[in-house]
Amino acid sequence: MSYQYFPRPHGNQMPSNISMNATPQSPSISVIPAGTTVLANYGEFTWFYGVVQGYNLLRNGGLLYQIMFRSGEIKTIASPQVLNQQSNNQNIEVGTRIVVKHPTKTMFVTSLVAELPCSENFFRYMLFLDDGTACYKTRDKLWVIDLVENPILSLPPHYKAFIHSFFISTGTGLHLYDVNVNDNIVFTSNDNINAQFTGKISEVDCNIALVTFDASNCSSSQEWIFRGSTRIISVHPNSNLIPMNNNNDNHNQPLEKHAFNSLPNTLSVFY
């Protein structure tokens, strides 16, 4: 059985008037009271639940919270990295920074919206997680990060090249693997391209595939990977790399361009 590629809906691209050289006006500060349970950034792209112990207001208007995590550890964390509610009234579009529960691990993780809901993906958002994996989530599972900088600036350095390629690709520039359950796959680690793993496709969900493989500690691990990820080296025996430029095949439609496509000069400084 072959799985189709479902493109992002038309007319829902990241706004083209966003400038990576401009910083939006900072919102007014709203203090989260002590004792409130929050979702907070523990380190890098990892988020966990914690409880507010107190806060410090800085001279520049910034706000720092003391957060106690369930482990008992207390960390000082800047207010943009502390979330006390899911802001479902905020506009979510391609490029929005999101915190979401990891699909295969017991943590939350920062991510980037890559595909908007449509009938073909069962009205879910496709997210590129900062650890190199991907997932689909409904809106009620998303925590929006209120950033004062462009989303691309918050991505890990080793991840920016793929994101840059994805968001500025035309229909002929992006390739997806046509995968089937039980296909073998060879792929790299997200943070070390020299570390390779061999696994099997366990499940396919629209544009992502669940890979089961043996980790370095000999335990079985699973990751959801985007079918167009540059982490994939090969898929066999029954898969082919399909260029998304065949207009005679309705299963392989060209991708829409994105707002990042209008910002190549700024993005290129990262590569």
Protein backbone atom coordinates (compact mmCIF):
# COMPACT_ATOMS: atom_id res chain seq x y z
CA MET A 1 0.00 0.00 0.00
CA SER A 2 1.37 3.41 -0.95
CA TYR A 3 0.69 6.55 1.07
CA GLN A 4 -0.07 9.85 -0.57
CA TYR A 5 1.56 13.18 0.09
CA PHE A 6 -0.84 15.79 1.42
CA PRO A 7 0.25 19.38 0.74
CA ARG A 8 -0.44 22.30 3.03
CA PRO A 9 -3.74 24.11 2.31
CA HIS A 10 -3.68 27.09 -0.05
CA GLY A 11 -3.91 30.58 1.37
CA ASN A 12 -2.61 29.72 4.85
CA GLN A 13 1.04 30.58 4.56
CA MET A 14 3.09 32.42 7.13
CA PRO A 15 2.41 36.16 6.65
CA SER A 16 4.81 37.66 4.12
CA ASN A 17 5.04 40.94 6.03
CA ILE A 18 7.07 39.37 8.86
CA SER A 19 10.59 40.74 8.86
CA MET A 20 13.40 38.89 10.53
CA ASN A 21 15.16 42.19 11.08
CA ALA A 22 12.27 43.67 13.02
CA THR A 23 11.34 42.90 16.60
CA PRO A 24 7.63 43.14 17.48
CA GLN A 25 6.62 45.35 20.37
CA SER A 26 6.85 43.50 23.67
CA PRO A 27 3.48 42.71 25.29
CA SER A 28 2.54 44.08 28.70
CA ILE A 29 3.74 41.96 31.61
CA SER A 30 1.24 39.80 33.46
CA VAL A 31 2.65 38.19 36.61
CA ILE A 32 1.88 34.53 37.34
CA PRO A 33 1.30 34.20 41.10
CA ALA A 34 3.31 31.86 43.35
CA GLY A 35 1.84 28.40 43.68
CA THR A 36 0.62 28.26 40.07
CA THR A 37 1.41 25.11 38.09
CA VAL A 38 3.06 26.05 34.80
CA LEU A 39 4.76 24.49 31.81
CA ALA A 40 8.36 25.75 31.80
CA ASN A 41 11.50 25.36 29.71
CA TYR A 42 13.82 23.03 31.63
CA GLY A 43 16.71 23.28 29.18
CA GLU A 44 17.30 23.56 25.42
CA PHE A 45 14.07 22.33 23.79
CA THR A 46 12.80 20.32 26.79
CA TRP A 47 9.80 21.51 28.85
CA PHE A 48 8.24 20.07 32.02
CA TYR A 49 5.52 21.01 34.47
CA GLY A 50 6.60 22.95 37.55
CA VAL A 51 5.27 25.29 40.25
CA VAL A 52 6.03 29.03 40.54
CA GLN A 53 7.94 29.82 43.75
CA GLY A 54 8.42 33.54 43.17
CA TYR A 55 9.60 36.12 40.63
CA ASN A 56 11.97 39.02 40.10
CA LEU A 57 11.11 42.09 38.02
CA LEU A 58 14.16 43.39 36.15
CA ARG A 59 14.98 47.06 35.50
CA ASN A 60 14.57 46.55 31.77
CA GLY A 61 11.01 45.33 32.30
CA GLY A 62 11.86 41.66 32.04
CA LEU A 63 10.52 39.07 34.41
CA LEU A 64 12.29 36.05 35.91
CA TYR A 65 10.45 33.21 37.64
CA GLN A 66 11.75 30.70 40.17
CA ILE A 67 10.23 27.38 39.08
CA MET A 68 10.30 24.18 41.11
CA PHE A 69 10.08 21.10 38.91
CA ARG A 70 8.67 17.79 40.04
CA SER A 71 12.20 16.53 40.65
CA GLY A 72 12.57 19.17 43.39
CA GLU A 73 15.05 21.22 41.36
CA ILE A 74 14.47 24.99 41.27
CA LYS A 75 15.48 26.99 38.20
CA THR A 76 15.30 30.68 37.32
CA ILE A 77 13.52 31.02 33.98
CA ALA A 78 12.61 34.06 31.86
CA SER A 79 8.89 34.77 31.50
CA PRO A 80 8.61 33.91 27.76
CA GLN A 81 9.70 30.38 28.70
CA VAL A 82 6.96 29.96 31.32
CA LEU A 83 3.42 29.11 30.18
CA ASN A 84 0.45 28.95 32.54
CA GLN A 85 -2.31 28.32 30.01
CA GLN A 86 -2.92 27.20 26.47
CA SER A 87 -3.66 30.34 24.50
CA ASN A 88 -6.23 28.90 22.12
CA ASN A 89 -7.33 32.36 21.00
CA GLN A 90 -3.97 33.08 19.42
CA ASN A 91 -3.60 32.82 15.67
CA ILE A 92 -1.62 29.72 14.69
CA GLU A 93 -0.06 29.70 11.23
CA VAL A 94 2.84 28.17 9.35
CA GLY A 95 6.00 29.12 11.25
CA THR A 96 4.37 29.60 14.69
CA ARG A 97 6.48 28.36 17.59
CA ILE A 98 4.66 25.76 19.66
CA VAL A 99 5.28 23.65 22.77
CA VAL A 100 3.73 20.18 22.51
CA LYS A 101 3.90 16.85 24.30
CA HIS A 102 6.49 14.64 22.66
CA PRO A 103 4.84 11.73 20.79
CA THR A 104 7.25 9.07 22.09
CA LYS A 105 8.88 10.59 25.20
CA THR A 106 7.68 11.78 28.61
CA MET A 107 8.37 15.47 28.07
CA PHE A 108 7.15 18.52 26.20
CA VAL A 109 9.24 19.98 23.40
CA THR A 110 9.40 23.16 21.33
CA SER A 111 8.41 22.85 17.70
CA LEU A 112 7.51 24.74 14.54
CA VAL A 113 4.19 24.55 12.66
CA ALA A 114 4.92 23.10 9.21
CA GLU A 115 1.46 22.19 7.93
CA LEU A 116 -1.98 23.57 8.74
CA PRO A 117 -5.10 21.46 9.35
CA CYS A 118 -7.01 20.22 6.32
CA SER A 119 -9.28 17.31 5.49
CA GLU A 120 -6.40 15.26 4.07
CA ASN A 121 -4.47 15.32 7.37
CA PHE A 122 -7.61 14.88 9.46
CA PHE A 123 -7.61 18.52 10.56
CA ARG A 124 -4.38 18.40 12.53
CA TYR A 125 -1.24 20.54 12.59
CA MET A 126 1.98 18.92 11.42
CA LEU A 127 4.85 20.02 13.68
CA PHE A 128 8.60 19.82 13.25
CA LEU A 129 9.98 19.19 16.75
CA ASP A 130 13.32 20.68 17.76
CA ASP A 131 14.80 17.21 18.32
CA GLY A 132 14.47 16.40 14.61
CA THR A 133 11.26 14.38 14.84
CA ALA A 134 7.74 15.29 13.70
CA CYS A 135 4.14 14.75 14.77
CA TYR A 136 0.53 15.65 14.10
CA LYS A 137 -1.50 17.31 16.87
CA THR A 138 -4.92 18.90 17.17
CA ARG A 139 -5.18 22.52 18.28
CA ASP A 140 -6.19 21.66 21.86
CA LYS A 141 -2.78 20.00 22.37
CA LEU A 142 -0.74 23.08 21.39
CA TRP A 143 0.90 25.66 23.66
CA VAL A 144 1.80 28.84 21.76
CA ILE A 145 5.07 30.58 22.67
CA ASP A 146 4.69 34.36 22.62
CA LEU A 147 8.05 35.27 21.10
CA VAL A 148 9.49 38.73 20.53
CA GLU A 149 11.71 37.44 17.72
CA ASN A 150 11.18 35.58 14.48
CA PRO A 151 10.59 31.82 15.03
CA ILE A 152 13.55 30.74 12.91
CA LEU A 153 15.95 32.45 15.33
CA SER A 154 14.94 30.08 18.13
CA LEU A 155 15.80 26.88 16.30
CA PRO A 156 18.85 24.78 17.18
CA PRO A 157 21.78 25.59 14.84
CA HIS A 158 22.04 22.07 13.40
CA TYR A 159 18.33 22.14 12.50
CA LYS A 160 18.21 25.45 10.64
CA ALA A 161 19.53 24.11 7.34
CA PHE A 162 16.66 21.65 6.98
CA ILE A 163 14.07 24.22 8.05
CA HIS A 164 15.53 26.75 5.62
CA SER A 165 15.31 24.22 2.78
CA PHE A 166 11.77 23.18 3.66
CA PHE A 167 10.26 26.64 3.91
CA ILE A 168 11.78 28.07 0.75
CA SER A 169 11.38 24.99 -1.46
CA THR A 170 9.23 25.17 -4.55
CA GLY A 171 7.30 22.19 -5.84
CA THR A 172 10.39 20.79 -7.55
CA GLY A 173 12.69 21.30 -4.60
CA LEU A 174 11.23 18.99 -1.98
CA HIS A 175 11.33 15.19 -2.16
CA LEU A 176 9.39 12.70 -0.07
CA TYR A 177 9.98 9.01 0.42
CA ASP A 178 7.02 6.83 -0.52
CA VAL A 179 7.04 4.46 2.45
CA ASN A 180 5.19 1.34 3.52
CA VAL A 181 4.88 -0.49 6.83
CA ASN A 182 7.78 -2.97 7.34
CA ASP A 183 10.08 -1.13 4.93
CA ASN A 184 13.68 -0.90 6.13
CA ILE A 185 15.07 2.59 6.68
CA VAL A 186 18.56 3.98 7.25
CA PHE A 187 18.71 7.40 8.91
CA THR A 188 21.03 9.63 10.90
CA SER A 189 20.86 10.97 14.42
CA ASN A 190 19.47 14.48 14.59
CA ASP A 191 22.49 15.96 16.38
CA ASN A 192 25.23 13.81 14.79
CA ILE A 193 25.08 13.11 11.07
CA ASN A 194 27.86 10.53 11.47
CA ALA A 195 25.69 8.38 13.74
CA GLN A 196 23.47 6.14 11.61
CA PHE A 197 20.67 3.79 12.58
CA THR A 198 18.77 1.07 10.76
CA GLY A 199 15.13 0.48 11.58
CA LYS A 200 11.73 -0.49 10.24
CA ILE A 201 8.69 1.57 9.36
CA SER A 202 6.07 0.65 11.97
CA GLU A 203 3.32 3.07 10.98
CA VAL A 204 2.63 5.76 8.39
CA ASP A 205 0.50 8.83 9.14
CA CYS A 206 0.12 11.17 6.16
CA ASN A 207 3.52 12.89 5.77
CA ILE A 208 5.31 11.25 8.71
CA ALA A 209 6.41 7.70 9.50
CA LEU A 210 7.05 5.92 12.81
CA VAL A 211 10.46 4.23 12.82
CA THR A 212 11.38 1.47 15.28
CA PHE A 213 15.10 0.88 15.74
CA ASP A 214 17.76 -0.31 18.19
CA ALA A 215 19.34 2.51 20.16
CA SER A 216 22.95 2.59 21.35
CA ASN A 217 21.96 1.11 24.69
CA CYS A 218 20.48 -1.92 22.87
CA SER A 219 16.93 -0.95 23.82
CA SER A 220 14.22 -0.48 21.24
CA SER A 221 13.36 3.13 20.40
CA GLN A 222 10.81 4.83 18.22
CA GLU A 223 10.77 8.16 16.39
CA TRP A 224 8.29 9.85 14.10
CA ILE A 225 10.19 11.25 11.11
CA PHE A 226 8.99 13.52 8.30
CA ARG A 227 9.07 11.62 4.98
CA GLY A 228 11.07 14.44 3.43
CA SER A 229 13.59 14.75 6.26
CA THR A 230 17.25 15.10 5.33
CA ARG A 231 17.95 12.61 8.14
CA ILE A 232 16.73 9.79 5.88
CA ILE A 233 19.53 8.13 3.90
CA SER A 234 17.57 5.32 2.25
CA VAL A 235 14.33 3.39 2.42
CA HIS A 236 13.99 -0.10 0.94
CA PRO A 237 12.91 -2.46 -0.53
CA ASN A 238 9.60 -1.04 -1.74
CA SER A 239 10.08 2.73 -1.62
CA ASN A 240 11.19 5.29 -4.13
CA LEU A 241 12.28 8.89 -3.73
CA ILE A 242 9.50 10.85 -5.41
CA PRO A 243 10.18 14.39 -6.73
CA MET A 244 7.16 16.60 -6.04
CA ASN A 245 6.94 18.01 -9.58
CA ASN A 246 4.74 15.53 -11.44
CA ASN A 247 1.58 17.47 -12.20
CA ASN A 248 0.04 14.44 -13.89
CA ASP A 249 -0.06 12.58 -10.60
CA ASN A 250 -2.58 13.93 -8.11
CA HIS A 251 -0.82 12.02 -5.33
CA ASN A 252 2.30 14.16 -5.74
CA GLN A 253 1.32 17.79 -5.73
CA PRO A 254 3.81 20.68 -5.66
CA LEU A 255 4.22 22.45 -2.34
CA GLU A 256 3.14 26.01 -1.82
CA LYS A 257 5.85 28.57 -1.19
CA HIS A 258 6.10 30.11 2.26
CA ALA A 259 6.83 33.48 3.73
CA PHE A 260 10.40 32.36 4.44
CA ASN A 261 10.83 32.22 0.67
CA SER A 262 10.78 36.01 0.62
CA LEU A 263 13.62 36.21 3.18
CA PRO A 264 16.53 34.25 1.65
CA ASN A 265 19.15 36.94 2.27
CA THR A 266 18.47 37.01 6.00
CA LEU A 267 18.19 33.25 6.36
CA SER A 268 21.40 32.60 4.45
CA VAL A 269 23.53 33.99 7.29
CA PHE A 270 22.95 30.73 9.18
CA TYR A 271 24.49 28.41 6.60
